[in-house]
mmCIF file of all heavy atoms, coordinates in Angstrom:
data_MODEL
# 
_entry.id   MODEL 
# 
loop_
_atom_site.group_PDB 
_atom_site.id 
_atom_site.type_symbol 
_atom_site.label_atom_id 
_atom_site.label_alt_id 
_atom_site.label_comp_id 
_atom_site.label_asym_id 
_atom_site.label_entity_id 
_atom_site.label_seq_id 
_atom_site.pdbx_PDB_ins_code 
_atom_site.Cartn_x 
_atom_site.Cartn_y 
_atom_site.Cartn_z 
_atom_site.occupancy 
_atom_site.B_iso_or_equiv 
_atom_site.pdbx_formal_charge 
_atom_site.auth_seq_id 
_atom_site.auth_comp_id 
_atom_site.auth_asym_id 
_atom_site.auth_atom_id 
_atom_site.pdbx_PDB_model_num 
ATOM 1   N N   . SER A 1 1  ? 9.452  -9.201  -3.566  1.00 0.00 ? 1  SER A N   1 
ATOM 2   C CA  . SER A 1 1  ? 10.350 -8.541  -4.519  1.00 0.00 ? 1  SER A CA  1 
ATOM 3   C C   . SER A 1 1  ? 9.912  -8.727  -5.951  1.00 0.00 ? 1  SER A C   1 
ATOM 4   O O   . SER A 1 1  ? 9.419  -9.842  -6.343  1.00 0.00 ? 1  SER A O   1 
ATOM 5   C CB  . SER A 1 1  ? 11.806 -9.100  -4.334  1.00 0.00 ? 1  SER A CB  1 
ATOM 6   O OG  . SER A 1 1  ? 12.702 -8.464  -5.330  1.00 0.00 ? 1  SER A OG  1 
ATOM 7   N N   . SER A 1 2  ? 10.045 -7.714  -6.757  1.00 0.00 ? 2  SER A N   1 
ATOM 8   C CA  . SER A 1 2  ? 9.777  -7.826  -8.215  1.00 0.00 ? 2  SER A CA  1 
ATOM 9   C C   . SER A 1 2  ? 10.773 -8.741  -8.898  1.00 0.00 ? 2  SER A C   1 
ATOM 10  O O   . SER A 1 2  ? 10.513 -9.297  -9.957  1.00 0.00 ? 2  SER A O   1 
ATOM 11  C CB  . SER A 1 2  ? 9.851  -6.487  -8.845  1.00 0.00 ? 2  SER A CB  1 
ATOM 12  O OG  . SER A 1 2  ? 8.824  -5.632  -8.354  1.00 0.00 ? 2  SER A OG  1 
ATOM 13  N N   . ASP A 1 3  ? 11.929 -8.981  -8.290  1.00 0.00 ? 3  ASP A N   1 
ATOM 14  C CA  . ASP A 1 3  ? 12.938 -9.958  -8.793  1.00 0.00 ? 3  ASP A CA  1 
ATOM 15  C C   . ASP A 1 3  ? 12.934 -11.145 -7.902  1.00 0.00 ? 3  ASP A C   1 
ATOM 16  O O   . ASP A 1 3  ? 13.399 -11.076 -6.722  1.00 0.00 ? 3  ASP A O   1 
ATOM 17  C CB  . ASP A 1 3  ? 14.278 -9.283  -8.884  1.00 0.00 ? 3  ASP A CB  1 
ATOM 18  C CG  . ASP A 1 3  ? 15.273 -10.083 -9.652  1.00 0.00 ? 3  ASP A CG  1 
ATOM 19  O OD1 . ASP A 1 3  ? 15.217 -11.309 -9.620  1.00 0.00 ? 3  ASP A OD1 1 
ATOM 20  O OD2 . ASP A 1 3  ? 16.127 -9.455  -10.313 1.00 0.00 ? 3  ASP A OD2 1 
ATOM 21  N N   . ALA A 1 4  ? 12.365 -12.219 -8.336  1.00 0.00 ? 4  ALA A N   1 
ATOM 22  C CA  . ALA A 1 4  ? 12.266 -13.442 -7.554  1.00 0.00 ? 4  ALA A CA  1 
ATOM 23  C C   . ALA A 1 4  ? 13.548 -14.013 -7.043  1.00 0.00 ? 4  ALA A C   1 
ATOM 24  O O   . ALA A 1 4  ? 13.618 -14.856 -6.181  1.00 0.00 ? 4  ALA A O   1 
ATOM 25  C CB  . ALA A 1 4  ? 11.478 -14.486 -8.327  1.00 0.00 ? 4  ALA A CB  1 
ATOM 26  N N   . ARG A 1 5  ? 14.648 -13.597 -7.701  1.00 0.00 ? 5  ARG A N   1 
ATOM 27  C CA  . ARG A 1 5  ? 15.965 -14.051 -7.274  1.00 0.00 ? 5  ARG A CA  1 
ATOM 28  C C   . ARG A 1 5  ? 16.459 -13.508 -5.977  1.00 0.00 ? 5  ARG A C   1 
ATOM 29  O O   . ARG A 1 5  ? 17.482 -13.961 -5.409  1.00 0.00 ? 5  ARG A O   1 
ATOM 30  C CB  . ARG A 1 5  ? 17.052 -13.730 -8.387  1.00 0.00 ? 5  ARG A CB  1 
ATOM 31  C CG  . ARG A 1 5  ? 16.767 -14.363 -9.696  1.00 0.00 ? 5  ARG A CG  1 
ATOM 32  C CD  . ARG A 1 5  ? 17.725 -13.842 -10.752 1.00 0.00 ? 5  ARG A CD  1 
ATOM 33  N NE  . ARG A 1 5  ? 17.592 -12.408 -10.993 1.00 0.00 ? 5  ARG A NE  1 
ATOM 34  C CZ  . ARG A 1 5  ? 18.391 -11.677 -11.846 1.00 0.00 ? 5  ARG A CZ  1 
ATOM 35  N NH1 . ARG A 1 5  ? 19.428 -12.297 -12.415 1.00 0.00 ? 5  ARG A NH1 1 
ATOM 36  N NH2 . ARG A 1 5  ? 18.168 -10.427 -11.997 1.00 0.00 ? 5  ARG A NH2 1 
ATOM 37  N N   . LYS A 1 6  ? 15.842 -12.400 -5.489  1.00 0.00 ? 6  LYS A N   1 
ATOM 38  C CA  . LYS A 1 6  ? 16.314 -11.708 -4.317  1.00 0.00 ? 6  LYS A CA  1 
ATOM 39  C C   . LYS A 1 6  ? 16.052 -12.535 -3.056  1.00 0.00 ? 6  LYS A C   1 
ATOM 40  O O   . LYS A 1 6  ? 15.002 -12.497 -2.457  1.00 0.00 ? 6  LYS A O   1 
ATOM 41  C CB  . LYS A 1 6  ? 15.698 -10.295 -4.223  1.00 0.00 ? 6  LYS A CB  1 
ATOM 42  C CG  . LYS A 1 6  ? 16.292 -9.485  -3.124  1.00 0.00 ? 6  LYS A CG  1 
ATOM 43  C CD  . LYS A 1 6  ? 16.271 -8.058  -3.386  1.00 0.00 ? 6  LYS A CD  1 
ATOM 44  C CE  . LYS A 1 6  ? 16.978 -7.209  -2.357  1.00 0.00 ? 6  LYS A CE  1 
ATOM 45  N NZ  . LYS A 1 6  ? 18.321 -7.676  -1.979  1.00 0.00 ? 6  LYS A NZ  1 
ATOM 46  N N   . ALA A 1 7  ? 17.072 -13.270 -2.654  1.00 0.00 ? 7  ALA A N   1 
ATOM 47  C CA  . ALA A 1 7  ? 16.883 -14.285 -1.608  1.00 0.00 ? 7  ALA A CA  1 
ATOM 48  C C   . ALA A 1 7  ? 16.599 -13.724 -0.277  1.00 0.00 ? 7  ALA A C   1 
ATOM 49  O O   . ALA A 1 7  ? 15.829 -14.355 0.512   1.00 0.00 ? 7  ALA A O   1 
ATOM 50  C CB  . ALA A 1 7  ? 18.199 -15.119 -1.527  1.00 0.00 ? 7  ALA A CB  1 
ATOM 51  N N   . ASN A 1 8  ? 17.132 -12.565 0.034   1.00 0.00 ? 8  ASN A N   1 
ATOM 52  C CA  . ASN A 1 8  ? 16.892 -12.072 1.450   1.00 0.00 ? 8  ASN A CA  1 
ATOM 53  C C   . ASN A 1 8  ? 15.454 -11.578 1.615   1.00 0.00 ? 8  ASN A C   1 
ATOM 54  O O   . ASN A 1 8  ? 14.918 -11.600 2.747   1.00 0.00 ? 8  ASN A O   1 
ATOM 55  C CB  . ASN A 1 8  ? 17.940 -11.054 1.870   1.00 0.00 ? 8  ASN A CB  1 
ATOM 56  C CG  . ASN A 1 8  ? 17.996 -9.844  0.971   1.00 0.00 ? 8  ASN A CG  1 
ATOM 57  O OD1 . ASN A 1 8  ? 17.437 -9.839  -0.123  1.00 0.00 ? 8  ASN A OD1 1 
ATOM 58  N ND2 . ASN A 1 8  ? 18.821 -8.847  1.389   1.00 0.00 ? 8  ASN A ND2 1 
ATOM 59  N N   . THR A 1 9  ? 14.855 -11.092 0.526   1.00 0.00 ? 9  THR A N   1 
ATOM 60  C CA  . THR A 1 9  ? 13.411 -10.776 0.662   1.00 0.00 ? 9  THR A CA  1 
ATOM 61  C C   . THR A 1 9  ? 12.581 -11.969 0.895   1.00 0.00 ? 9  THR A C   1 
ATOM 62  O O   . THR A 1 9  ? 11.670 -12.015 1.725   1.00 0.00 ? 9  THR A O   1 
ATOM 63  C CB  . THR A 1 9  ? 12.958 -10.050 -0.657  1.00 0.00 ? 9  THR A CB  1 
ATOM 64  O OG1 . THR A 1 9  ? 13.701 -8.857  -0.848  1.00 0.00 ? 9  THR A OG1 1 
ATOM 65  C CG2 . THR A 1 9  ? 11.458 -9.680  -0.556  1.00 0.00 ? 9  THR A CG2 1 
ATOM 66  N N   . ASN A 1 10 ? 12.904 -13.087 0.201   1.00 0.00 ? 10 ASN A N   1 
ATOM 67  C CA  . ASN A 1 10 ? 12.201 -14.381 0.389   1.00 0.00 ? 10 ASN A CA  1 
ATOM 68  C C   . ASN A 1 10 ? 12.458 -14.854 1.829   1.00 0.00 ? 10 ASN A C   1 
ATOM 69  O O   . ASN A 1 10 ? 11.529 -15.369 2.474   1.00 0.00 ? 10 ASN A O   1 
ATOM 70  C CB  . ASN A 1 10 ? 12.678 -15.385 -0.611  1.00 0.00 ? 10 ASN A CB  1 
ATOM 71  C CG  . ASN A 1 10 ? 12.353 -14.981 -2.079  1.00 0.00 ? 10 ASN A CG  1 
ATOM 72  O OD1 . ASN A 1 10 ? 11.372 -14.240 -2.266  1.00 0.00 ? 10 ASN A OD1 1 
ATOM 73  N ND2 . ASN A 1 10 ? 13.190 -15.427 -2.988  1.00 0.00 ? 10 ASN A ND2 1 
ATOM 74  N N   . ALA A 1 11 ? 13.730 -14.593 2.347   1.00 0.00 ? 11 ALA A N   1 
ATOM 75  C CA  . ALA A 1 11 ? 13.964 -15.021 3.729   1.00 0.00 ? 11 ALA A CA  1 
ATOM 76  C C   . ALA A 1 11 ? 13.081 -14.195 4.741   1.00 0.00 ? 11 ALA A C   1 
ATOM 77  O O   . ALA A 1 11 ? 12.594 -14.720 5.693   1.00 0.00 ? 11 ALA A O   1 
ATOM 78  C CB  . ALA A 1 11 ? 15.397 -14.861 4.038   1.00 0.00 ? 11 ALA A CB  1 
ATOM 79  N N   . MET A 1 12 ? 12.981 -12.883 4.458   1.00 0.00 ? 12 MET A N   1 
ATOM 80  C CA  . MET A 1 12 ? 12.130 -12.079 5.372   1.00 0.00 ? 12 MET A CA  1 
ATOM 81  C C   . MET A 1 12 ? 10.707 -12.519 5.409   1.00 0.00 ? 12 MET A C   1 
ATOM 82  O O   . MET A 1 12 ? 10.074 -12.485 6.458   1.00 0.00 ? 12 MET A O   1 
ATOM 83  C CB  . MET A 1 12 ? 12.229 -10.600 4.888   1.00 0.00 ? 12 MET A CB  1 
ATOM 84  C CG  . MET A 1 12 ? 13.408 -9.842  5.337   1.00 0.00 ? 12 MET A CG  1 
ATOM 85  S SD  . MET A 1 12 ? 13.593 -9.779  7.175   1.00 0.00 ? 12 MET A SD  1 
ATOM 86  C CE  . MET A 1 12 ? 12.037 -9.142  7.692   1.00 0.00 ? 12 MET A CE  1 
ATOM 87  N N   . ILE A 1 13 ? 10.168 -13.005 4.256   1.00 0.00 ? 13 ILE A N   1 
ATOM 88  C CA  . ILE A 1 13 ? 8.806  -13.523 4.294   1.00 0.00 ? 13 ILE A CA  1 
ATOM 89  C C   . ILE A 1 13 ? 8.711  -14.727 5.240   1.00 0.00 ? 13 ILE A C   1 
ATOM 90  O O   . ILE A 1 13 ? 7.770  -14.825 6.037   1.00 0.00 ? 13 ILE A O   1 
ATOM 91  C CB  . ILE A 1 13 ? 8.415  -13.908 2.825   1.00 0.00 ? 13 ILE A CB  1 
ATOM 92  C CG1 . ILE A 1 13 ? 8.324  -12.656 1.959   1.00 0.00 ? 13 ILE A CG1 1 
ATOM 93  C CG2 . ILE A 1 13 ? 7.099  -14.634 2.885   1.00 0.00 ? 13 ILE A CG2 1 
ATOM 94  C CD1 . ILE A 1 13 ? 8.152  -12.927 0.548   1.00 0.00 ? 13 ILE A CD1 1 
ATOM 95  N N   . GLY A 1 14 ? 9.726  -15.563 5.179   1.00 0.00 ? 14 GLY A N   1 
ATOM 96  C CA  . GLY A 1 14 ? 9.760  -16.748 6.070   1.00 0.00 ? 14 GLY A CA  1 
ATOM 97  C C   . GLY A 1 14 ? 9.876  -16.357 7.524   1.00 0.00 ? 14 GLY A C   1 
ATOM 98  O O   . GLY A 1 14 ? 9.221  -16.893 8.446   1.00 0.00 ? 14 GLY A O   1 
ATOM 99  N N   . PHE A 1 15 ? 10.760 -15.358 7.820   1.00 0.00 ? 15 PHE A N   1 
ATOM 100 C CA  . PHE A 1 15 ? 10.910 -14.895 9.228   1.00 0.00 ? 15 PHE A CA  1 
ATOM 101 C C   . PHE A 1 15 ? 9.567  -14.350 9.730   1.00 0.00 ? 15 PHE A C   1 
ATOM 102 O O   . PHE A 1 15 ? 9.222  -14.599 10.887  1.00 0.00 ? 15 PHE A O   1 
ATOM 103 C CB  . PHE A 1 15 ? 12.034 -13.853 9.290   1.00 0.00 ? 15 PHE A CB  1 
ATOM 104 C CG  . PHE A 1 15 ? 13.358 -14.286 8.899   1.00 0.00 ? 15 PHE A CG  1 
ATOM 105 C CD1 . PHE A 1 15 ? 14.283 -13.384 8.408   1.00 0.00 ? 15 PHE A CD1 1 
ATOM 106 C CD2 . PHE A 1 15 ? 13.712 -15.671 8.937   1.00 0.00 ? 15 PHE A CD2 1 
ATOM 107 C CE1 . PHE A 1 15 ? 15.558 -13.839 8.010   1.00 0.00 ? 15 PHE A CE1 1 
ATOM 108 C CE2 . PHE A 1 15 ? 14.973 -16.070 8.503   1.00 0.00 ? 15 PHE A CE2 1 
ATOM 109 C CZ  . PHE A 1 15 ? 15.892 -15.178 8.048   1.00 0.00 ? 15 PHE A CZ  1 
ATOM 110 N N   . ALA A 1 16 ? 8.942  -13.503 8.904   1.00 0.00 ? 16 ALA A N   1 
ATOM 111 C CA  . ALA A 1 16 ? 7.718  -12.866 9.333   1.00 0.00 ? 16 ALA A CA  1 
ATOM 112 C C   . ALA A 1 16 ? 6.614  -13.869 9.648   1.00 0.00 ? 16 ALA A C   1 
ATOM 113 O O   . ALA A 1 16 ? 5.848  -13.717 10.606  1.00 0.00 ? 16 ALA A O   1 
ATOM 114 C CB  . ALA A 1 16 ? 7.208  -11.895 8.262   1.00 0.00 ? 16 ALA A CB  1 
ATOM 115 N N   . LYS A 1 17 ? 6.574  -14.907 8.881   1.00 0.00 ? 17 LYS A N   1 
ATOM 116 C CA  . LYS A 1 17 ? 5.567  -15.944 9.126   1.00 0.00 ? 17 LYS A CA  1 
ATOM 117 C C   . LYS A 1 17 ? 5.861  -16.747 10.392  1.00 0.00 ? 17 LYS A C   1 
ATOM 118 O O   . LYS A 1 17 ? 4.976  -17.278 11.039  1.00 0.00 ? 17 LYS A O   1 
ATOM 119 C CB  . LYS A 1 17 ? 5.495  -16.900 7.942   1.00 0.00 ? 17 LYS A CB  1 
ATOM 120 C CG  . LYS A 1 17 ? 4.842  -16.284 6.674   1.00 0.00 ? 17 LYS A CG  1 
ATOM 121 C CD  . LYS A 1 17 ? 4.789  -17.200 5.518   1.00 0.00 ? 17 LYS A CD  1 
ATOM 122 C CE  . LYS A 1 17 ? 4.144  -16.581 4.323   1.00 0.00 ? 17 LYS A CE  1 
ATOM 123 N NZ  . LYS A 1 17 ? 4.058  -17.488 3.149   1.00 0.00 ? 17 LYS A NZ  1 
ATOM 124 N N   . ALA A 1 18 ? 7.158  -16.870 10.717  1.00 0.00 ? 18 ALA A N   1 
ATOM 125 C CA  . ALA A 1 18 ? 7.549  -17.683 11.868  1.00 0.00 ? 18 ALA A CA  1 
ATOM 126 C C   . ALA A 1 18 ? 7.539  -16.891 13.173  1.00 0.00 ? 18 ALA A C   1 
ATOM 127 O O   . ALA A 1 18 ? 7.403  -17.511 14.262  1.00 0.00 ? 18 ALA A O   1 
ATOM 128 C CB  . ALA A 1 18 ? 8.942  -18.268 11.644  1.00 0.00 ? 18 ALA A CB  1 
ATOM 129 N N   . MET A 1 19 ? 7.630  -15.560 13.118  1.00 0.00 ? 19 MET A N   1 
ATOM 130 C CA  . MET A 1 19 ? 7.720  -14.770 14.332  1.00 0.00 ? 19 MET A CA  1 
ATOM 131 C C   . MET A 1 19 ? 6.354  -14.571 14.989  1.00 0.00 ? 19 MET A C   1 
ATOM 132 O O   . MET A 1 19 ? 5.320  -14.488 14.364  1.00 0.00 ? 19 MET A O   1 
ATOM 133 C CB  . MET A 1 19 ? 8.358  -13.406 14.016  1.00 0.00 ? 19 MET A CB  1 
ATOM 134 C CG  . MET A 1 19 ? 9.799  -13.423 13.682  1.00 0.00 ? 19 MET A CG  1 
ATOM 135 S SD  . MET A 1 19 ? 10.454 -11.800 13.136  1.00 0.00 ? 19 MET A SD  1 
ATOM 136 C CE  . MET A 1 19 ? 10.399 -10.894 14.646  1.00 0.00 ? 19 MET A CE  1 
ATOM 137 N N   . THR A 1 20 ? 6.396  -14.649 16.330  1.00 0.00 ? 20 THR A N   1 
ATOM 138 C CA  . THR A 1 20 ? 5.171  -14.336 17.068  1.00 0.00 ? 20 THR A CA  1 
ATOM 139 C C   . THR A 1 20 ? 4.900  -12.825 17.127  1.00 0.00 ? 20 THR A C   1 
ATOM 140 O O   . THR A 1 20 ? 5.788  -12.065 16.806  1.00 0.00 ? 20 THR A O   1 
ATOM 141 C CB  . THR A 1 20 ? 5.317  -14.825 18.519  1.00 0.00 ? 20 THR A CB  1 
ATOM 142 O OG1 . THR A 1 20 ? 6.324  -14.034 19.214  1.00 0.00 ? 20 THR A OG1 1 
ATOM 143 C CG2 . THR A 1 20 ? 5.739  -16.295 18.593  1.00 0.00 ? 20 THR A CG2 1 
ATOM 144 N N   . ASP A 1 21 ? 3.723  -12.453 17.474  1.00 0.00 ? 21 ASP A N   1 
ATOM 145 C CA  . ASP A 1 21 ? 3.372  -11.044 17.552  1.00 0.00 ? 21 ASP A CA  1 
ATOM 146 C C   . ASP A 1 21 ? 4.275  -10.337 18.654  1.00 0.00 ? 21 ASP A C   1 
ATOM 147 O O   . ASP A 1 21 ? 4.669  -9.224  18.403  1.00 0.00 ? 21 ASP A O   1 
ATOM 148 C CB  . ASP A 1 21 ? 1.903  -10.865 18.000  1.00 0.00 ? 21 ASP A CB  1 
ATOM 149 C CG  . ASP A 1 21 ? 0.916  -11.270 16.860  1.00 0.00 ? 21 ASP A CG  1 
ATOM 150 O OD1 . ASP A 1 21 ? 1.386  -11.419 15.713  1.00 0.00 ? 21 ASP A OD1 1 
ATOM 151 O OD2 . ASP A 1 21 ? -0.261 -11.401 17.173  1.00 0.00 ? 21 ASP A OD2 1 
ATOM 152 N N   . ASP A 1 22 ? 4.550  -11.043 19.658  1.00 0.00 ? 22 ASP A N   1 
ATOM 153 C CA  . ASP A 1 22 ? 5.374  -10.454 20.747  1.00 0.00 ? 22 ASP A CA  1 
ATOM 154 C C   . ASP A 1 22 ? 6.839  -10.234 20.234  1.00 0.00 ? 22 ASP A C   1 
ATOM 155 O O   . ASP A 1 22 ? 7.443  -9.223  20.572  1.00 0.00 ? 22 ASP A O   1 
ATOM 156 C CB  . ASP A 1 22 ? 5.393  -11.337 21.975  1.00 0.00 ? 22 ASP A CB  1 
ATOM 157 C CG  . ASP A 1 22 ? 4.113  -11.260 22.798  1.00 0.00 ? 22 ASP A CG  1 
ATOM 158 O OD1 . ASP A 1 22 ? 3.357  -10.315 22.545  1.00 0.00 ? 22 ASP A OD1 1 
ATOM 159 O OD2 . ASP A 1 22 ? 3.904  -12.176 23.665  1.00 0.00 ? 22 ASP A OD2 1 
ATOM 160 N N   . GLU A 1 23 ? 7.330  -11.169 19.416  1.00 0.00 ? 23 GLU A N   1 
ATOM 161 C CA  . GLU A 1 23 ? 8.677  -10.986 18.893  1.00 0.00 ? 23 GLU A CA  1 
ATOM 162 C C   . GLU A 1 23 ? 8.752  -9.761  17.869  1.00 0.00 ? 23 GLU A C   1 
ATOM 163 O O   . GLU A 1 23 ? 9.696  -9.022  17.904  1.00 0.00 ? 23 GLU A O   1 
ATOM 164 C CB  . GLU A 1 23 ? 9.096  -12.303 18.201  1.00 0.00 ? 23 GLU A CB  1 
ATOM 165 C CG  . GLU A 1 23 ? 9.423  -13.421 19.200  1.00 0.00 ? 23 GLU A CG  1 
ATOM 166 C CD  . GLU A 1 23 ? 9.570  -14.762 18.540  1.00 0.00 ? 23 GLU A CD  1 
ATOM 167 O OE1 . GLU A 1 23 ? 9.074  -14.936 17.407  1.00 0.00 ? 23 GLU A OE1 1 
ATOM 168 O OE2 . GLU A 1 23 ? 10.301 -15.599 19.146  1.00 0.00 ? 23 GLU A OE2 1 
ATOM 169 N N   . VAL A 1 24 ? 7.722  -9.735  17.057  1.00 0.00 ? 24 VAL A N   1 
ATOM 170 C CA  . VAL A 1 24 ? 7.624  -8.575  16.096  1.00 0.00 ? 24 VAL A CA  1 
ATOM 171 C C   . VAL A 1 24 ? 7.582  -7.229  16.889  1.00 0.00 ? 24 VAL A C   1 
ATOM 172 O O   . VAL A 1 24 ? 8.326  -6.291  16.584  1.00 0.00 ? 24 VAL A O   1 
ATOM 173 C CB  . VAL A 1 24 ? 6.488  -8.720  15.189  1.00 0.00 ? 24 VAL A CB  1 
ATOM 174 C CG1 . VAL A 1 24 ? 6.259  -7.399  14.372  1.00 0.00 ? 24 VAL A CG1 1 
ATOM 175 C CG2 . VAL A 1 24 ? 6.631  -9.893  14.251  1.00 0.00 ? 24 VAL A CG2 1 
ATOM 176 N N   . LYS A 1 25 ? 6.742  -7.201  17.944  1.00 0.00 ? 25 LYS A N   1 
ATOM 177 C CA  . LYS A 1 25 ? 6.669  -6.016  18.728  1.00 0.00 ? 25 LYS A CA  1 
ATOM 178 C C   . LYS A 1 25 ? 7.939  -5.671  19.434  1.00 0.00 ? 25 LYS A C   1 
ATOM 179 O O   . LYS A 1 25 ? 8.347  -4.454  19.405  1.00 0.00 ? 25 LYS A O   1 
ATOM 180 C CB  . LYS A 1 25 ? 5.522  -6.158  19.779  1.00 0.00 ? 25 LYS A CB  1 
ATOM 181 C CG  . LYS A 1 25 ? 5.293  -4.962  20.651  1.00 0.00 ? 25 LYS A CG  1 
ATOM 182 C CD  . LYS A 1 25 ? 4.228  -5.199  21.683  1.00 0.00 ? 25 LYS A CD  1 
ATOM 183 C CE  . LYS A 1 25 ? 4.016  -3.927  22.558  1.00 0.00 ? 25 LYS A CE  1 
ATOM 184 N NZ  . LYS A 1 25 ? 3.057  -4.201  23.601  1.00 0.00 ? 25 LYS A NZ  1 
ATOM 185 N N   . ALA A 1 26 ? 8.623  -6.639  19.917  1.00 0.00 ? 26 ALA A N   1 
ATOM 186 C CA  . ALA A 1 26 ? 9.931  -6.376  20.620  1.00 0.00 ? 26 ALA A CA  1 
ATOM 187 C C   . ALA A 1 26 ? 10.971 -5.767  19.620  1.00 0.00 ? 26 ALA A C   1 
ATOM 188 O O   . ALA A 1 26 ? 11.635 -4.856  19.945  1.00 0.00 ? 26 ALA A O   1 
ATOM 189 C CB  . ALA A 1 26 ? 10.458 -7.692  21.237  1.00 0.00 ? 26 ALA A CB  1 
ATOM 190 N N   . ALA A 1 27 ? 11.006 -6.386  18.468  1.00 0.00 ? 27 ALA A N   1 
ATOM 191 C CA  . ALA A 1 27 ? 11.949 -5.850  17.467  1.00 0.00 ? 27 ALA A CA  1 
ATOM 192 C C   . ALA A 1 27 ? 11.569 -4.486  16.972  1.00 0.00 ? 27 ALA A C   1 
ATOM 193 O O   . ALA A 1 27 ? 12.448 -3.597  16.879  1.00 0.00 ? 27 ALA A O   1 
ATOM 194 C CB  . ALA A 1 27 ? 12.047 -6.786  16.282  1.00 0.00 ? 27 ALA A CB  1 
ATOM 195 N N   . ALA A 1 28 ? 10.257 -4.232  16.825  1.00 0.00 ? 28 ALA A N   1 
ATOM 196 C CA  . ALA A 1 28 ? 9.810  -2.930  16.338  1.00 0.00 ? 28 ALA A CA  1 
ATOM 197 C C   . ALA A 1 28 ? 10.105 -1.849  17.398  1.00 0.00 ? 28 ALA A C   1 
ATOM 198 O O   . ALA A 1 28 ? 10.580 -0.778  17.046  1.00 0.00 ? 28 ALA A O   1 
ATOM 199 C CB  . ALA A 1 28 ? 8.325  -3.016  16.107  1.00 0.00 ? 28 ALA A CB  1 
ATOM 200 N N   . GLU A 1 29 ? 9.868  -2.128  18.673  1.00 0.00 ? 29 GLU A N   1 
ATOM 201 C CA  . GLU A 1 29 ? 10.087 -1.146  19.655  1.00 0.00 ? 29 GLU A CA  1 
ATOM 202 C C   . GLU A 1 29 ? 11.592 -0.880  19.903  1.00 0.00 ? 29 GLU A C   1 
ATOM 203 O O   . GLU A 1 29 ? 11.971 0.242   20.217  1.00 0.00 ? 29 GLU A O   1 
ATOM 204 C CB  . GLU A 1 29 ? 9.411  -1.595  20.993  1.00 0.00 ? 29 GLU A CB  1 
ATOM 205 C CG  . GLU A 1 29 ? 7.924  -1.577  20.917  1.00 0.00 ? 29 GLU A CG  1 
ATOM 206 C CD  . GLU A 1 29 ? 7.227  -2.072  22.187  1.00 0.00 ? 29 GLU A CD  1 
ATOM 207 O OE1 . GLU A 1 29 ? 7.969  -2.718  23.033  1.00 0.00 ? 29 GLU A OE1 1 
ATOM 208 O OE2 . GLU A 1 29 ? 6.014  -1.857  22.316  1.00 0.00 ? 29 GLU A OE2 1 
ATOM 209 N N   . TYR A 1 30 ? 12.401 -1.920  19.735  1.00 0.00 ? 30 TYR A N   1 
ATOM 210 C CA  . TYR A 1 30 ? 13.840 -1.708  19.812  1.00 0.00 ? 30 TYR A CA  1 
ATOM 211 C C   . TYR A 1 30 ? 14.370 -0.809  18.753  1.00 0.00 ? 30 TYR A C   1 
ATOM 212 O O   . TYR A 1 30 ? 15.070 0.188   19.035  1.00 0.00 ? 30 TYR A O   1 
ATOM 213 C CB  . TYR A 1 30 ? 14.567 -3.094  19.772  1.00 0.00 ? 30 TYR A CB  1 
ATOM 214 C CG  . TYR A 1 30 ? 16.063 -2.941  19.652  1.00 0.00 ? 30 TYR A CG  1 
ATOM 215 C CD1 . TYR A 1 30 ? 16.826 -2.566  20.818  1.00 0.00 ? 30 TYR A CD1 1 
ATOM 216 C CD2 . TYR A 1 30 ? 16.682 -3.061  18.446  1.00 0.00 ? 30 TYR A CD2 1 
ATOM 217 C CE1 . TYR A 1 30 ? 18.187 -2.383  20.678  1.00 0.00 ? 30 TYR A CE1 1 
ATOM 218 C CE2 . TYR A 1 30 ? 18.101 -2.874  18.330  1.00 0.00 ? 30 TYR A CE2 1 
ATOM 219 C CZ  . TYR A 1 30 ? 18.805 -2.555  19.465  1.00 0.00 ? 30 TYR A CZ  1 
ATOM 220 O OH  . TYR A 1 30 ? 20.166 -2.328  19.315  1.00 0.00 ? 30 TYR A OH  1 
ATOM 221 N N   . PHE A 1 31 ? 14.098 -1.163  17.522  1.00 0.00 ? 31 PHE A N   1 
ATOM 222 C CA  . PHE A 1 31 ? 14.610 -0.339  16.418  1.00 0.00 ? 31 PHE A CA  1 
ATOM 223 C C   . PHE A 1 31 ? 14.064 1.074   16.348  1.00 0.00 ? 31 PHE A C   1 
ATOM 224 O O   . PHE A 1 31 ? 14.705 2.010   15.911  1.00 0.00 ? 31 PHE A O   1 
ATOM 225 C CB  . PHE A 1 31 ? 14.445 -1.060  15.057  1.00 0.00 ? 31 PHE A CB  1 
ATOM 226 C CG  . PHE A 1 31 ? 15.357 -2.285  14.906  1.00 0.00 ? 31 PHE A CG  1 
ATOM 227 C CD1 . PHE A 1 31 ? 14.832 -3.502  14.717  1.00 0.00 ? 31 PHE A CD1 1 
ATOM 228 C CD2 . PHE A 1 31 ? 16.733 -2.081  14.872  1.00 0.00 ? 31 PHE A CD2 1 
ATOM 229 C CE1 . PHE A 1 31 ? 15.696 -4.585  14.525  1.00 0.00 ? 31 PHE A CE1 1 
ATOM 230 C CE2 . PHE A 1 31 ? 17.577 -3.182  14.727  1.00 0.00 ? 31 PHE A CE2 1 
ATOM 231 C CZ  . PHE A 1 31 ? 17.063 -4.425  14.546  1.00 0.00 ? 31 PHE A CZ  1 
# 
C-alpha cells in the first residue's frame, strides 16, 4: 500500500508468505 498505515494490506502480505501453493490454488479456484 502507498499508505503504510493500511493494516489489512500488511496482513495480506503476511498471509501470502505463509500460505502454501496448494492453499493459494484452492482459494483461487473457489473464488
